[in-house]
Amino acid sequence: MNIRDWAIRFSEASDADPAIQAMAKYFTCTYLFDMTEAKAIIEMVDGKVYRINISPAPMDSYDFALRASAQTWREFARPLPKPMFHGIWAASFRQDLRIEGNTLVLMQNLRNFTLQFELLRKVGVPV
């Protein structure tokens, strides 16, 4: 799957997810998924995907970033991930995932972000 198709699928899945929409009124932040071979900056505004930048430049801004190898992202996207790939905290402790940037913004949006991150198991990853 190419990154353009992934961005459309991810955006549609997020905006249609009933749990995210029920809780995400104030889910407003911008974050980077760095999958080594592909990168995307997801901009959320009031619980909706406002924009996904699929070719970010080095100076494009975001609040926080998740960086990991393509293999780690593929493991995250499995319908039933292996142990230590079931979430960002486990992978940051035991795998190669790095969480960078303003972690306060991540923590303020953690519940909604986690639901959105878990959508990768439905839509896959572009690597």
C-alpha atoms as a PDB file:
ATOM      1  CA  MET A   1       0.000   0.000   0.000  1.00  0.00           C
ATOM      2  CA  ASN A   2       1.404   3.385  -0.871  1.00  0.00           C
ATOM      3  CA  ILE A   3       1.419   6.215   1.653  1.00  0.00           C
ATOM      4  CA  ARG A   4      -1.253   8.240  -0.177  1.00  0.00           C
ATOM      5  CA  ASP A   5      -3.728   5.337  -0.013  1.00  0.00           C
ATOM      6  CA  TRP A   6      -2.771   4.684   3.603  1.00  0.00           C
ATOM      7  CA  ALA A   7      -3.403   8.333   4.543  1.00  0.00           C
ATOM      8  CA  ILE A   8      -6.894   8.206   3.041  1.00  0.00           C
ATOM      9  CA  ARG A   9      -7.728   4.919   4.794  1.00  0.00           C
ATOM     10  CA  PHE A  10      -6.330   6.126   8.128  1.00  0.00           C
ATOM     11  CA  SER A  11      -8.193   9.430   7.947  1.00  0.00           C
ATOM     12  CA  GLU A  12     -11.500   7.796   7.021  1.00  0.00           C
ATOM     13  CA  ALA A  13     -11.165   5.122   9.723  1.00  0.00           C
ATOM     14  CA  SER A  14     -10.343   7.706  12.381  1.00  0.00           C
ATOM     15  CA  ASP A  15     -13.151  10.083  11.437  1.00  0.00           C
ATOM     16  CA  ALA A  16     -15.653   7.200  11.358  1.00  0.00           C
ATOM     17  CA  ASP A  17     -14.573   5.548  14.610  1.00  0.00           C
ATOM     18  CA  PRO A  18     -17.446   5.894  17.094  1.00  0.00           C
ATOM     19  CA  ALA A  19     -15.239   5.725  20.208  1.00  0.00           C
ATOM     20  CA  ILE A  20     -12.887   8.440  18.973  1.00  0.00           C
ATOM     21  CA  GLN A  21     -15.770  10.657  17.929  1.00  0.00           C
ATOM     22  CA  ALA A  22     -17.571  10.146  21.247  1.00  0.00           C
ATOM     23  CA  MET A  23     -14.567  11.267  23.305  1.00  0.00           C
ATOM     24  CA  ALA A  24     -12.389  13.404  21.068  1.00  0.00           C
ATOM     25  CA  LYS A  25     -13.978  16.836  21.135  1.00  0.00           C
ATOM     26  CA  TYR A  26     -10.701  18.357  22.367  1.00  0.00           C
ATOM     27  CA  PHE A  27      -8.319  15.969  20.567  1.00  0.00           C
ATOM     28  CA  THR A  28      -6.264  18.660  18.869  1.00  0.00           C
ATOM     29  CA  CYS A  29      -2.573  18.068  18.204  1.00  0.00           C
ATOM     30  CA  THR A  30      -0.085  17.305  15.467  1.00  0.00           C
ATOM     31  CA  TYR A  31       2.160  14.259  15.503  1.00  0.00           C
ATOM     32  CA  LEU A  32       4.645  12.436  13.306  1.00  0.00           C
ATOM     33  CA  PHE A  33       4.722   8.762  12.441  1.00  0.00           C
ATOM     34  CA  ASP A  34       8.311   8.068  11.306  1.00  0.00           C
ATOM     35  CA  MET A  35       8.317   4.596   9.785  1.00  0.00           C
ATOM     36  CA  THR A  36      11.850   4.971   8.370  1.00  0.00           C
ATOM     37  CA  GLU A  37      10.719   4.274   4.797  1.00  0.00           C
ATOM     38  CA  ALA A  38       7.656   6.540   5.084  1.00  0.00           C
ATOM     39  CA  LYS A  39       6.763   9.514   7.242  1.00  0.00           C
ATOM     40  CA  ALA A  40       3.448  11.235   7.902  1.00  0.00           C
ATOM     41  CA  ILE A  41       2.450  14.204  10.014  1.00  0.00           C
ATOM     42  CA  ILE A  42      -1.129  13.818  11.228  1.00  0.00           C
ATOM     43  CA  GLU A  43      -2.901  17.002  12.246  1.00  0.00           C
ATOM     44  CA  MET A  44      -5.948  16.520  14.469  1.00  0.00           C
ATOM     45  CA  VAL A  45      -8.488  19.276  15.161  1.00  0.00           C
ATOM     46  CA  ASP A  46     -11.371  18.647  17.552  1.00  0.00           C
ATOM     47  CA  GLY A  47     -11.223  14.884  17.018  1.00  0.00           C
ATOM     48  CA  LYS A  48     -11.137  14.960  13.219  1.00  0.00           C
ATOM     49  CA  VAL A  49      -8.205  14.422  10.905  1.00  0.00           C
ATOM     50  CA  TYR A  50      -7.622  17.893   9.523  1.00  0.00           C
ATOM     51  CA  ARG A  51      -4.685  16.999   7.300  1.00  0.00           C
ATOM     52  CA  ILE A  52      -2.087  14.278   6.755  1.00  0.00           C
ATOM     53  CA  ASN A  53       1.204  15.489   5.336  1.00  0.00           C
ATOM     54  CA  ILE A  54       2.673  12.453   3.549  1.00  0.00           C
ATOM     55  CA  SER A  55       5.880  14.153   2.469  1.00  0.00           C
ATOM     56  CA  PRO A  56       6.985  16.242   5.436  1.00  0.00           C
ATOM     57  CA  ALA A  57       9.981  18.518   5.121  1.00  0.00           C
ATOM     58  CA  PRO A  58      12.658  18.538   7.836  1.00  0.00           C
ATOM     59  CA  MET A  59      11.374  21.818   9.302  1.00  0.00           C
ATOM     60  CA  ASP A  60       7.653  20.906   9.334  1.00  0.00           C
ATOM     61  CA  SER A  61       6.400  21.140  12.897  1.00  0.00           C
ATOM     62  CA  TYR A  62       4.574  18.659  15.103  1.00  0.00           C
ATOM     63  CA  ASP A  63       3.961  18.245  18.819  1.00  0.00           C
ATOM     64  CA  PHE A  64       5.423  14.770  19.250  1.00  0.00           C
ATOM     65  CA  ALA A  65       6.835  11.950  17.173  1.00  0.00           C
ATOM     66  CA  LEU A  66       6.878   8.171  17.176  1.00  0.00           C
ATOM     67  CA  ARG A  67       9.962   6.817  15.400  1.00  0.00           C
ATOM     68  CA  ALA A  68      10.666   3.150  14.761  1.00  0.00           C
ATOM     69  CA  SER A  69      11.916   0.771  12.116  1.00  0.00           C
ATOM     70  CA  ALA A  70       9.614  -0.334   9.313  1.00  0.00           C
ATOM     71  CA  GLN A  71       9.576  -3.824  10.846  1.00  0.00           C
ATOM     72  CA  THR A  72       8.309  -2.468  14.179  1.00  0.00           C
ATOM     73  CA  TRP A  73       5.512  -0.576  12.398  1.00  0.00           C
ATOM     74  CA  ARG A  74       4.558  -3.753  10.506  1.00  0.00           C
ATOM     75  CA  GLU A  75       4.367  -5.599  13.831  1.00  0.00           C
ATOM     76  CA  PHE A  76       2.153  -2.846  15.285  1.00  0.00           C
ATOM     77  CA  ALA A  77      -0.220  -3.244  12.345  1.00  0.00           C
ATOM     78  CA  ARG A  78      -0.768  -6.979  12.720  1.00  0.00           C
ATOM     79  CA  PRO A  79      -4.351  -7.803  13.766  1.00  0.00           C
ATOM     80  CA  LEU A  80      -2.923  -9.556  16.838  1.00  0.00           C
ATOM     81  CA  PRO A  81       0.490  -8.011  17.562  1.00  0.00           C
ATOM     82  CA  LYS A  82       3.273 -10.014  19.173  1.00  0.00           C
ATOM     83  CA  PRO A  83       4.083  -9.248  22.804  1.00  0.00           C
ATOM     84  CA  MET A  84       5.863  -5.894  23.198  1.00  0.00           C
ATOM     85  CA  PHE A  85       4.265  -4.615  19.975  1.00  0.00           C
ATOM     86  CA  HIS A  86       0.778  -4.209  21.435  1.00  0.00           C
ATOM     87  CA  GLY A  87       1.294  -0.551  22.338  1.00  0.00           C
ATOM     88  CA  ILE A  88       3.678   2.350  22.263  1.00  0.00           C
ATOM     89  CA  TRP A  89       4.888   2.016  25.859  1.00  0.00           C
ATOM     90  CA  ALA A  90       5.874  -1.631  25.593  1.00  0.00           C
ATOM     91  CA  ALA A  91       7.631  -0.998  22.295  1.00  0.00           C
ATOM     92  CA  SER A  92       9.467   2.020  23.686  1.00  0.00           C
ATOM     93  CA  PHE A  93      10.809  -0.063  26.583  1.00  0.00           C
ATOM     94  CA  ARG A  94      11.663  -3.276  24.729  1.00  0.00           C
ATOM     95  CA  GLN A  95      11.793  -2.527  20.995  1.00  0.00           C
ATOM     96  CA  ASP A  96      13.186   0.280  18.869  1.00  0.00           C
ATOM     97  CA  LEU A  97      10.324   2.781  19.229  1.00  0.00           C
ATOM     98  CA  ARG A  98      11.320   6.284  20.320  1.00  0.00           C
ATOM     99  CA  ILE A  99       8.836   8.840  21.588  1.00  0.00           C
ATOM    100  CA  GLU A 100      10.113  12.372  21.056  1.00  0.00           C
ATOM    101  CA  GLY A 101       8.878  15.920  21.400  1.00  0.00           C
ATOM    102  CA  ASN A 102       6.261  17.385  23.689  1.00  0.00           C
ATOM    103  CA  THR A 103       5.161  14.365  25.684  1.00  0.00           C
ATOM    104  CA  LEU A 104       2.774  16.558  27.685  1.00  0.00           C
ATOM    105  CA  VAL A 105       0.638  16.926  24.541  1.00  0.00           C
ATOM    106  CA  LEU A 106       0.798  13.161  24.016  1.00  0.00           C
ATOM    107  CA  MET A 107      -0.326  12.542  27.598  1.00  0.00           C
ATOM    108  CA  GLN A 108      -3.128  15.101  27.340  1.00  0.00           C
ATOM    109  CA  ASN A 109      -4.457  13.248  24.297  1.00  0.00           C
ATOM    110  CA  LEU A 110      -3.370   9.737  25.247  1.00  0.00           C
ATOM    111  CA  ARG A 111      -6.747   7.981  25.282  1.00  0.00           C
ATOM    112  CA  ASN A 112      -7.787   9.305  21.900  1.00  0.00           C
ATOM    113  CA  PHE A 113      -4.311   8.867  20.436  1.00  0.00           C
ATOM    114  CA  THR A 114      -4.226   5.242  21.625  1.00  0.00           C
ATOM    115  CA  LEU A 115      -7.556   4.512  19.948  1.00  0.00           C
ATOM    116  CA  GLN A 116      -6.307   6.137  16.786  1.00  0.00           C
ATOM    117  CA  PHE A 117      -2.980   4.289  16.924  1.00  0.00           C
ATOM    118  CA  GLU A 118      -4.841   0.975  17.253  1.00  0.00           C
ATOM    119  CA  LEU A 119      -6.558   1.732  13.931  1.00  0.00           C
ATOM    120  CA  LEU A 120      -3.272   0.665  12.338  1.00  0.00           C
ATOM    121  CA  ARG A 121      -4.426  -2.911  13.008  1.00  0.00           C
ATOM    122  CA  LYS A 122      -7.350  -2.273  10.657  1.00  0.00           C
ATOM    123  CA  VAL A 123      -5.827  -0.047   7.987  1.00  0.00           C
ATOM    124  CA  GLY A 124      -2.238  -1.320   8.008  1.00  0.00           C
ATOM    125  CA  VAL A 125       0.910   0.716   7.499  1.00  0.00           C
ATOM    126  CA  PRO A 126       2.560   1.965   4.297  1.00  0.00           C
ATOM    127  CA  VAL A 127       5.865   0.169   4.909  1.00  0.00           C
END
